[in-house]
């Protein structure tokens, strides 16, 4: 496309829509995006794209990737996504699904979404048992030692996973936490192959958990559906009997995103 053609195409896009289109494209791709990719996809001029990227970065809607050139969702864009998913009608439908899963499983079910530093509980339905593990909505838990977090790690590109593993944030939460990068990478590889993740007292002594992915229409992980229970009632082996129930619930949650 010539410079004149680019200018003509850009002139057809309202000024107040250009930044929204950039944010939409970054979110749609699901991987860090270079300015050249946005120029080609949107037909905006190079100076316009760079100026809008700088604005979005300074305001926290986008952030630079590890390579220093690409851009991905920033904290404010991720928060916008969470708030959108928490809209009243969507939350009502989500809670109905979680309630159905929790009743069938008989234990607490959680919907968690990834944030910059860990997984955040977006919704949950508590077990009716008096002995329960309290992790309220809004709680942030680590990636490396939780079923939900490891499920998320299993979806990362190899370069991003290696960056996470080498960052030195693998702090033990229990004596069973995987904090050796090679061991965690092998675990993440198994999770990717199996399509589910477990937590065998790695995050909290006396707690077991099982998680499956909730995906968007393009098959990308947007969250996880998980169940956790005290080991007095369930170990990882017995939780596995609920895998089909969780997968069915995750499929229903995924369908909400495409309606």
C-alpha atoms as a PDB file:
ATOM      1  CA  UNK A   1       0.000   0.000   0.000  1.00  0.00           C
ATOM      2  CA  UNK A   2       1.432   3.376  -1.024  1.00  0.00           C
ATOM      3  CA  UNK A   3       1.695   6.313   1.357  1.00  0.00           C
ATOM      4  CA  UNK A   4      -1.110   8.082  -0.490  1.00  0.00           C
ATOM      5  CA  UNK A   5      -3.378   5.022  -0.230  1.00  0.00           C
ATOM      6  CA  UNK A   6      -2.592   4.732   3.478  1.00  0.00           C
ATOM      7  CA  UNK A   7      -3.464   8.377   4.044  1.00  0.00           C
ATOM      8  CA  UNK A   8      -6.726   7.954   2.152  1.00  0.00           C
ATOM      9  CA  UNK A   9      -7.676   4.860   4.172  1.00  0.00           C
ATOM     10  CA  UNK A  10      -6.749   6.515   7.463  1.00  0.00           C
ATOM     11  CA  UNK A  11      -8.890   9.532   6.571  1.00  0.00           C
ATOM     12  CA  UNK A  12     -11.896   7.213   6.419  1.00  0.00           C
ATOM     13  CA  UNK A  13     -11.393   6.126  10.051  1.00  0.00           C
ATOM     14  CA  UNK A  14     -12.748   8.627  12.626  1.00  0.00           C
ATOM     15  CA  UNK A  15     -10.013   9.986  14.882  1.00  0.00           C
ATOM     16  CA  UNK A  16     -11.757   8.882  18.060  1.00  0.00           C
ATOM     17  CA  UNK A  17     -12.024   5.304  16.745  1.00  0.00           C
ATOM     18  CA  UNK A  18      -8.369   4.715  15.885  1.00  0.00           C
ATOM     19  CA  UNK A  19      -7.096   3.941  19.373  1.00  0.00           C
ATOM     20  CA  UNK A  20     -10.043   1.621  20.009  1.00  0.00           C
ATOM     21  CA  UNK A  21      -9.226  -0.291  16.830  1.00  0.00           C
ATOM     22  CA  UNK A  22      -5.627  -0.722  17.980  1.00  0.00           C
ATOM     23  CA  UNK A  23      -6.715  -2.028  21.385  1.00  0.00           C
ATOM     24  CA  UNK A  24      -9.196  -4.356  19.731  1.00  0.00           C
ATOM     25  CA  UNK A  25      -6.554  -5.741  17.365  1.00  0.00           C
ATOM     26  CA  UNK A  26      -4.049  -6.334  20.179  1.00  0.00           C
ATOM     27  CA  UNK A  27      -6.700  -8.138  22.245  1.00  0.00           C
ATOM     28  CA  UNK A  28      -7.911 -10.148  19.241  1.00  0.00           C
ATOM     29  CA  UNK A  29      -4.498 -11.516  18.335  1.00  0.00           C
ATOM     30  CA  UNK A  30      -3.727 -12.750  21.822  1.00  0.00           C
ATOM     31  CA  UNK A  31       0.051 -12.390  21.301  1.00  0.00           C
ATOM     32  CA  UNK A  32       2.340  -9.342  21.481  1.00  0.00           C
ATOM     33  CA  UNK A  33       1.868  -7.227  18.363  1.00  0.00           C
ATOM     34  CA  UNK A  34       4.473  -5.116  16.553  1.00  0.00           C
ATOM     35  CA  UNK A  35       3.597  -1.626  15.244  1.00  0.00           C
ATOM     36  CA  UNK A  36       4.207  -2.860  11.679  1.00  0.00           C
ATOM     37  CA  UNK A  37       1.508  -5.519  12.168  1.00  0.00           C
ATOM     38  CA  UNK A  38      -0.993  -2.854  13.241  1.00  0.00           C
ATOM     39  CA  UNK A  39      -0.074  -0.593  10.329  1.00  0.00           C
ATOM     40  CA  UNK A  40      -0.719  -3.425   7.889  1.00  0.00           C
ATOM     41  CA  UNK A  41      -3.895  -4.699   9.566  1.00  0.00           C
ATOM     42  CA  UNK A  42      -5.593  -1.355  10.166  1.00  0.00           C
ATOM     43  CA  UNK A  43      -4.298   0.774   7.331  1.00  0.00           C
ATOM     44  CA  UNK A  44      -3.187   3.558   9.667  1.00  0.00           C
ATOM     45  CA  UNK A  45      -0.093   5.651   8.979  1.00  0.00           C
ATOM     46  CA  UNK A  46       3.132   4.776  10.793  1.00  0.00           C
ATOM     47  CA  UNK A  47       3.300   8.078  12.768  1.00  0.00           C
ATOM     48  CA  UNK A  48      -0.325   7.642  13.855  1.00  0.00           C
ATOM     49  CA  UNK A  49       0.207   4.096  15.091  1.00  0.00           C
ATOM     50  CA  UNK A  50       3.362   4.980  17.030  1.00  0.00           C
ATOM     51  CA  UNK A  51       1.706   8.026  18.606  1.00  0.00           C
ATOM     52  CA  UNK A  52      -1.355   6.033  19.696  1.00  0.00           C
ATOM     53  CA  UNK A  53       0.771   3.183  21.031  1.00  0.00           C
ATOM     54  CA  UNK A  54       2.756   5.628  23.146  1.00  0.00           C
ATOM     55  CA  UNK A  55      -0.466   7.101  24.521  1.00  0.00           C
ATOM     56  CA  UNK A  56      -1.937   3.666  25.287  1.00  0.00           C
ATOM     57  CA  UNK A  57       1.300   2.586  26.976  1.00  0.00           C
ATOM     58  CA  UNK A  58       1.642   5.732  29.102  1.00  0.00           C
ATOM     59  CA  UNK A  59      -1.981   5.378  30.260  1.00  0.00           C
ATOM     60  CA  UNK A  60      -1.594   1.694  31.130  1.00  0.00           C
ATOM     61  CA  UNK A  61      -3.846   0.186  28.449  1.00  0.00           C
ATOM     62  CA  UNK A  62      -0.919  -1.476  26.661  1.00  0.00           C
ATOM     63  CA  UNK A  63       2.525  -2.572  27.798  1.00  0.00           C
ATOM     64  CA  UNK A  64       5.757  -3.515  26.055  1.00  0.00           C
ATOM     65  CA  UNK A  65       6.633  -7.152  25.647  1.00  0.00           C
ATOM     66  CA  UNK A  66      10.010  -8.604  26.621  1.00  0.00           C
ATOM     67  CA  UNK A  67      11.483  -7.779  23.204  1.00  0.00           C
ATOM     68  CA  UNK A  68      10.893  -4.047  23.799  1.00  0.00           C
ATOM     69  CA  UNK A  69       9.186  -3.635  20.403  1.00  0.00           C
ATOM     70  CA  UNK A  70       5.880  -5.516  20.647  1.00  0.00           C
ATOM     71  CA  UNK A  71       2.817  -4.563  22.665  1.00  0.00           C
ATOM     72  CA  UNK A  72       0.333  -6.581  24.709  1.00  0.00           C
ATOM     73  CA  UNK A  73      -2.587  -5.749  27.032  1.00  0.00           C
ATOM     74  CA  UNK A  74      -1.695  -3.515  29.970  1.00  0.00           C
ATOM     75  CA  UNK A  75      -3.255  -3.536  33.421  1.00  0.00           C
ATOM     76  CA  UNK A  76      -6.098  -1.160  32.550  1.00  0.00           C
ATOM     77  CA  UNK A  77      -7.072  -3.176  29.468  1.00  0.00           C
ATOM     78  CA  UNK A  78      -7.016  -6.407  31.486  1.00  0.00           C
ATOM     79  CA  UNK A  79      -9.124  -4.747  34.181  1.00  0.00           C
ATOM     80  CA  UNK A  80     -11.541  -3.550  31.513  1.00  0.00           C
ATOM     81  CA  UNK A  81     -11.857  -7.139  30.307  1.00  0.00           C
ATOM     82  CA  UNK A  82     -12.561  -8.425  33.817  1.00  0.00           C
ATOM     83  CA  UNK A  83     -15.137  -5.705  34.471  1.00  0.00           C
ATOM     84  CA  UNK A  84     -16.822  -6.475  31.156  1.00  0.00           C
ATOM     85  CA  UNK A  85     -17.009 -10.157  32.049  1.00  0.00           C
ATOM     86  CA  UNK A  86     -18.517  -9.163  35.395  1.00  0.00           C
ATOM     87  CA  UNK A  87     -21.446  -7.347  33.778  1.00  0.00           C
ATOM     88  CA  UNK A  88     -24.631  -8.280  35.637  1.00  0.00           C
ATOM     89  CA  UNK A  89     -26.324 -10.455  33.001  1.00  0.00           C
ATOM     90  CA  UNK A  90     -23.113 -12.338  32.222  1.00  0.00           C
ATOM     91  CA  UNK A  91     -22.343 -12.873  35.897  1.00  0.00           C
ATOM     92  CA  UNK A  92     -25.825 -14.242  36.530  1.00  0.00           C
ATOM     93  CA  UNK A  93     -25.369 -16.790  33.750  1.00  0.00           C
ATOM     94  CA  UNK A  94     -21.845 -17.679  34.933  1.00  0.00           C
ATOM     95  CA  UNK A  95     -22.946 -18.209  38.513  1.00  0.00           C
ATOM     96  CA  UNK A  96     -25.745 -20.506  37.357  1.00  0.00           C
ATOM     97  CA  UNK A  97     -23.150 -22.677  35.598  1.00  0.00           C
ATOM     98  CA  UNK A  98     -20.780 -22.620  38.577  1.00  0.00           C
ATOM     99  CA  UNK A  99     -23.665 -23.492  40.909  1.00  0.00           C
ATOM    100  CA  UNK A 100     -24.594 -26.476  38.762  1.00  0.00           C
ATOM    101  CA  UNK A 101     -21.000 -27.738  38.769  1.00  0.00           C
ATOM    102  CA  UNK A 102     -20.597 -27.151  42.505  1.00  0.00           C
ATOM    103  CA  UNK A 103     -23.776 -29.067  43.288  1.00  0.00           C
ATOM    104  CA  UNK A 104     -22.687 -32.045  41.206  1.00  0.00           C
ATOM    105  CA  UNK A 105     -19.154 -32.057  42.586  1.00  0.00           C
ATOM    106  CA  UNK A 106     -20.096 -31.158  46.159  1.00  0.00           C
ATOM    107  CA  UNK A 107     -17.088 -28.868  46.587  1.00  0.00           C
ATOM    108  CA  UNK A 108     -16.193 -25.211  46.000  1.00  0.00           C
ATOM    109  CA  UNK A 109     -15.907 -24.186  42.336  1.00  0.00           C
ATOM    110  CA  UNK A 110     -13.982 -21.156  41.095  1.00  0.00           C
ATOM    111  CA  UNK A 111     -13.682 -19.122  37.920  1.00  0.00           C
ATOM    112  CA  UNK A 112     -10.268 -17.441  37.736  1.00  0.00           C
ATOM    113  CA  UNK A 113      -8.693 -15.138  35.156  1.00  0.00           C
ATOM    114  CA  UNK A 114      -5.000 -14.383  34.560  1.00  0.00           C
ATOM    115  CA  UNK A 115      -3.521 -11.078  35.647  1.00  0.00           C
ATOM    116  CA  UNK A 116       0.069  -9.848  35.462  1.00  0.00           C
ATOM    117  CA  UNK A 117       1.238 -11.428  38.733  1.00  0.00           C
ATOM    118  CA  UNK A 118      -1.118 -14.385  39.161  1.00  0.00           C
ATOM    119  CA  UNK A 119      -4.628 -15.738  38.792  1.00  0.00           C
ATOM    120  CA  UNK A 120      -7.524 -13.714  40.215  1.00  0.00           C
ATOM    121  CA  UNK A 121     -10.745 -15.327  41.407  1.00  0.00           C
ATOM    122  CA  UNK A 122     -13.551 -13.716  39.420  1.00  0.00           C
ATOM    123  CA  UNK A 123     -16.450 -15.845  40.698  1.00  0.00           C
ATOM    124  CA  UNK A 124     -16.946 -18.750  43.070  1.00  0.00           C
ATOM    125  CA  UNK A 125     -19.652 -20.929  44.561  1.00  0.00           C
ATOM    126  CA  UNK A 126     -18.895 -22.306  48.016  1.00  0.00           C
ATOM    127  CA  UNK A 127     -19.360 -25.863  49.176  1.00  0.00           C
ATOM    128  CA  UNK A 128     -22.039 -26.506  51.782  1.00  0.00           C
ATOM    129  CA  UNK A 129     -19.576 -28.432  53.942  1.00  0.00           C
ATOM    130  CA  UNK A 130     -18.663 -26.594  57.187  1.00  0.00           C
ATOM    131  CA  UNK A 131     -15.005 -27.517  56.593  1.00  0.00           C
ATOM    132  CA  UNK A 132     -13.994 -25.341  53.658  1.00  0.00           C
ATOM    133  CA  UNK A 133     -11.023 -23.356  52.358  1.00  0.00           C
ATOM    134  CA  UNK A 134     -11.661 -19.618  52.189  1.00  0.00           C
ATOM    135  CA  UNK A 135     -10.317 -17.939  49.041  1.00  0.00           C
ATOM    136  CA  UNK A 136     -12.785 -15.103  48.376  1.00  0.00           C
ATOM    137  CA  UNK A 137     -13.531 -13.372  45.067  1.00  0.00           C
ATOM    138  CA  UNK A 138     -10.687 -10.987  44.249  1.00  0.00           C
ATOM    139  CA  UNK A 139      -8.000 -13.216  45.778  1.00  0.00           C
ATOM    140  CA  UNK A 140      -4.831 -13.427  43.671  1.00  0.00           C
ATOM    141  CA  UNK A 141      -2.912 -16.713  43.715  1.00  0.00           C
ATOM    142  CA  UNK A 142       0.466 -17.608  42.155  1.00  0.00           C
ATOM    143  CA  UNK A 143       0.857 -19.125  38.722  1.00  0.00           C
ATOM    144  CA  UNK A 144       3.466 -21.764  39.535  1.00  0.00           C
ATOM    145  CA  UNK A 145       1.854 -23.650  42.422  1.00  0.00           C
ATOM    146  CA  UNK A 146      -1.890 -23.608  41.726  1.00  0.00           C
ATOM    147  CA  UNK A 147      -3.996 -25.698  39.369  1.00  0.00           C
ATOM    148  CA  UNK A 148      -5.417 -22.607  37.678  1.00  0.00           C
ATOM    149  CA  UNK A 149      -2.039 -20.898  37.404  1.00  0.00           C
ATOM    150  CA  UNK A 150      -0.263 -23.904  35.924  1.00  0.00           C
ATOM    151  CA  UNK A 151      -3.134 -24.313  33.457  1.00  0.00           C
ATOM    152  CA  UNK A 152      -2.471 -20.749  32.311  1.00  0.00           C
ATOM    153  CA  UNK A 153       1.289 -21.315  32.084  1.00  0.00           C
ATOM    154  CA  UNK A 154       0.664 -24.302  29.820  1.00  0.00           C
ATOM    155  CA  UNK A 155      -0.833 -21.975  27.198  1.00  0.00           C
ATOM    156  CA  UNK A 156       2.110 -19.557  27.026  1.00  0.00           C
ATOM    157  CA  UNK A 157       4.448 -19.408  24.070  1.00  0.00           C
ATOM    158  CA  UNK A 158       7.789 -21.051  24.834  1.00  0.00           C
ATOM    159  CA  UNK A 159       9.659 -17.742  24.919  1.00  0.00           C
ATOM    160  CA  UNK A 160       7.212 -16.228  27.390  1.00  0.00           C
ATOM    161  CA  UNK A 161       7.259 -19.358  29.563  1.00  0.00           C
ATOM    162  CA  UNK A 162      11.049 -19.337  29.674  1.00  0.00           C
ATOM    163  CA  UNK A 163      10.966 -15.669  30.645  1.00  0.00           C
ATOM    164  CA  UNK A 164       8.607 -16.447  33.512  1.00  0.00           C
ATOM    165  CA  UNK A 165      10.670 -19.408  34.712  1.00  0.00           C
ATOM    166  CA  UNK A 166      13.898 -17.398  34.675  1.00  0.00           C
ATOM    167  CA  UNK A 167      12.460 -14.388  36.513  1.00  0.00           C
ATOM    168  CA  UNK A 168      13.209 -15.854  39.951  1.00  0.00           C
ATOM    169  CA  UNK A 169       9.636 -15.675  41.278  1.00  0.00           C
ATOM    170  CA  UNK A 170       9.183 -19.387  41.993  1.00  0.00           C
ATOM    171  CA  UNK A 171       8.785 -19.110  45.755  1.00  0.00           C
ATOM    172  CA  UNK A 172       7.695 -22.216  47.673  1.00  0.00           C
ATOM    173  CA  UNK A 173       4.280 -22.075  49.338  1.00  0.00           C
ATOM    174  CA  UNK A 174       4.518 -25.618  50.719  1.00  0.00           C
ATOM    175  CA  UNK A 175       7.146 -28.334  50.659  1.00  0.00           C
ATOM    176  CA  UNK A 176       5.434 -29.718  47.526  1.00  0.00           C
ATOM    177  CA  UNK A 177       5.636 -26.510  45.469  1.00  0.00           C
ATOM    178  CA  UNK A 178       7.548 -26.915  42.211  1.00  0.00           C
ATOM    179  CA  UNK A 179      10.248 -24.243  42.281  1.00  0.00           C
ATOM    180  CA  UNK A 180      12.875 -25.839  40.049  1.00  0.00           C
ATOM    181  CA  UNK A 181      12.398 -24.442  36.509  1.00  0.00           C
ATOM    182  CA  UNK A 182      13.028 -27.725  34.676  1.00  0.00           C
ATOM    183  CA  UNK A 183      10.587 -29.632  36.880  1.00  0.00           C
ATOM    184  CA  UNK A 184       7.910 -26.961  36.456  1.00  0.00           C
ATOM    185  CA  UNK A 185       8.464 -26.831  32.701  1.00  0.00           C
ATOM    186  CA  UNK A 186       8.003 -30.609  32.491  1.00  0.00           C
ATOM    187  CA  UNK A 187       4.809 -30.315  34.554  1.00  0.00           C
ATOM    188  CA  UNK A 188       3.499 -27.537  32.310  1.00  0.00           C
ATOM    189  CA  UNK A 189       4.222 -29.663  29.239  1.00  0.00           C
ATOM    190  CA  UNK A 190       2.184 -32.535  30.697  1.00  0.00           C
ATOM    191  CA  UNK A 191      -0.680 -30.154  31.446  1.00  0.00           C
ATOM    192  CA  UNK A 192      -0.648 -28.885  27.865  1.00  0.00           C
ATOM    193  CA  UNK A 193      -0.863 -32.457  26.581  1.00  0.00           C
ATOM    194  CA  UNK A 194      -3.576 -33.547  29.045  1.00  0.00           C
ATOM    195  CA  UNK A 195      -5.804 -30.469  28.934  1.00  0.00           C
ATOM    196  CA  UNK A 196      -6.194 -30.233  32.716  1.00  0.00           C
ATOM    197  CA  UNK A 197      -4.097 -29.232  35.710  1.00  0.00           C
ATOM    198  CA  UNK A 198      -3.867 -30.353  39.332  1.00  0.00           C
ATOM    199  CA  UNK A 199      -2.589 -28.964  42.623  1.00  0.00           C
ATOM    200  CA  UNK A 200      -1.461 -31.649  45.057  1.00  0.00           C
ATOM    201  CA  UNK A 201      -0.964 -29.543  48.203  1.00  0.00           C
ATOM    202  CA  UNK A 202       1.435 -27.294  46.276  1.00  0.00           C
ATOM    203  CA  UNK A 203      -0.281 -24.016  47.154  1.00  0.00           C
ATOM    204  CA  UNK A 204      -1.697 -24.874  50.547  1.00  0.00           C
ATOM    205  CA  UNK A 205      -1.045 -27.851  52.798  1.00  0.00           C
ATOM    206  CA  UNK A 206      -4.201 -29.913  53.111  1.00  0.00           C
ATOM    207  CA  UNK A 207      -5.776 -28.699  49.832  1.00  0.00           C
ATOM    208  CA  UNK A 208      -6.115 -30.447  46.474  1.00  0.00           C
ATOM    209  CA  UNK A 209      -7.426 -28.864  43.284  1.00  0.00           C
ATOM    210  CA  UNK A 210      -8.285 -29.610  39.664  1.00  0.00           C
ATOM    211  CA  UNK A 211      -8.603 -27.002  36.879  1.00  0.00           C
ATOM    212  CA  UNK A 212      -9.611 -26.925  33.205  1.00  0.00           C
ATOM    213  CA  UNK A 213      -9.411 -24.079  30.677  1.00  0.00           C
ATOM    214  CA  UNK A 214     -12.232 -21.744  29.690  1.00  0.00           C
ATOM    215  CA  UNK A 215     -11.594 -20.682  26.094  1.00  0.00           C
ATOM    216  CA  UNK A 216     -12.804 -18.004  23.727  1.00  0.00           C
ATOM    217  CA  UNK A 217     -14.073 -18.569  20.193  1.00  0.00           C
ATOM    218  CA  UNK A 218     -10.490 -18.830  18.900  1.00  0.00           C
ATOM    219  CA  UNK A 219      -9.502 -21.514  21.386  1.00  0.00           C
ATOM    220  CA  UNK A 220      -7.470 -19.174  23.602  1.00  0.00           C
ATOM    221  CA  UNK A 221      -7.534 -19.463  27.377  1.00  0.00           C
ATOM    222  CA  UNK A 222      -9.455 -16.600  28.978  1.00  0.00           C
ATOM    223  CA  UNK A 223      -9.874 -18.195  32.395  1.00  0.00           C
ATOM    224  CA  UNK A 224     -10.020 -21.471  34.296  1.00  0.00           C
ATOM    225  CA  UNK A 225     -12.770 -23.425  36.018  1.00  0.00           C
ATOM    226  CA  UNK A 226     -11.500 -25.250  39.047  1.00  0.00           C
ATOM    227  CA  UNK A 227     -12.600 -27.196  42.081  1.00  0.00           C
ATOM    228  CA  UNK A 228     -10.677 -27.396  45.334  1.00  0.00           C
ATOM    229  CA  UNK A 229     -11.264 -29.364  48.497  1.00  0.00           C
ATOM    230  CA  UNK A 230      -9.629 -30.282  51.794  1.00  0.00           C
ATOM    231  CA  UNK A 231      -7.600 -33.473  51.458  1.00  0.00           C
ATOM    232  CA  UNK A 232      -9.696 -34.948  54.281  1.00  0.00           C
ATOM    233  CA  UNK A 233     -12.460 -35.319  51.668  1.00  0.00           C
ATOM    234  CA  UNK A 234     -10.637 -35.483  48.340  1.00  0.00           C
ATOM    235  CA  UNK A 235      -7.125 -36.053  47.114  1.00  0.00           C
ATOM    236  CA  UNK A 236      -6.074 -35.335  43.529  1.00  0.00           C
ATOM    237  CA  UNK A 237      -6.993 -38.856  42.490  1.00  0.00           C
ATOM    238  CA  UNK A 238     -10.590 -38.619  43.668  1.00  0.00           C
ATOM    239  CA  UNK A 239     -10.998 -35.103  42.232  1.00  0.00           C
ATOM    240  CA  UNK A 240     -10.154 -36.561  38.825  1.00  0.00           C
ATOM    241  CA  UNK A 241     -13.532 -38.301  38.851  1.00  0.00           C
ATOM    242  CA  UNK A 242     -15.058 -34.837  38.350  1.00  0.00           C
ATOM    243  CA  UNK A 243     -12.970 -33.985  35.274  1.00  0.00           C
ATOM    244  CA  UNK A 244     -15.847 -34.548  32.856  1.00  0.00           C
ATOM    245  CA  UNK A 245     -18.163 -32.355  34.944  1.00  0.00           C
ATOM    246  CA  UNK A 246     -15.604 -29.536  34.979  1.00  0.00           C
ATOM    247  CA  UNK A 247     -15.003 -29.812  31.243  1.00  0.00           C
ATOM    248  CA  UNK A 248     -18.729 -29.651  30.559  1.00  0.00           C
ATOM    249  CA  UNK A 249     -19.028 -26.564  32.786  1.00  0.00           C
ATOM    250  CA  UNK A 250     -16.037 -24.933  31.097  1.00  0.00           C
ATOM    251  CA  UNK A 251     -17.656 -25.556  27.726  1.00  0.00           C
ATOM    252  CA  UNK A 252     -20.828 -23.814  28.898  1.00  0.00           C
ATOM    253  CA  UNK A 253     -18.793 -20.868  30.189  1.00  0.00           C
ATOM    254  CA  UNK A 254     -16.919 -20.661  26.886  1.00  0.00           C
ATOM    255  CA  UNK A 255     -20.233 -20.606  25.018  1.00  0.00           C
ATOM    256  CA  UNK A 256     -21.239 -17.467  26.954  1.00  0.00           C
ATOM    257  CA  UNK A 257     -18.300 -15.648  25.362  1.00  0.00           C
ATOM    258  CA  UNK A 258     -19.453 -16.369  21.823  1.00  0.00           C
ATOM    259  CA  UNK A 259     -23.183 -15.641  22.214  1.00  0.00           C
END
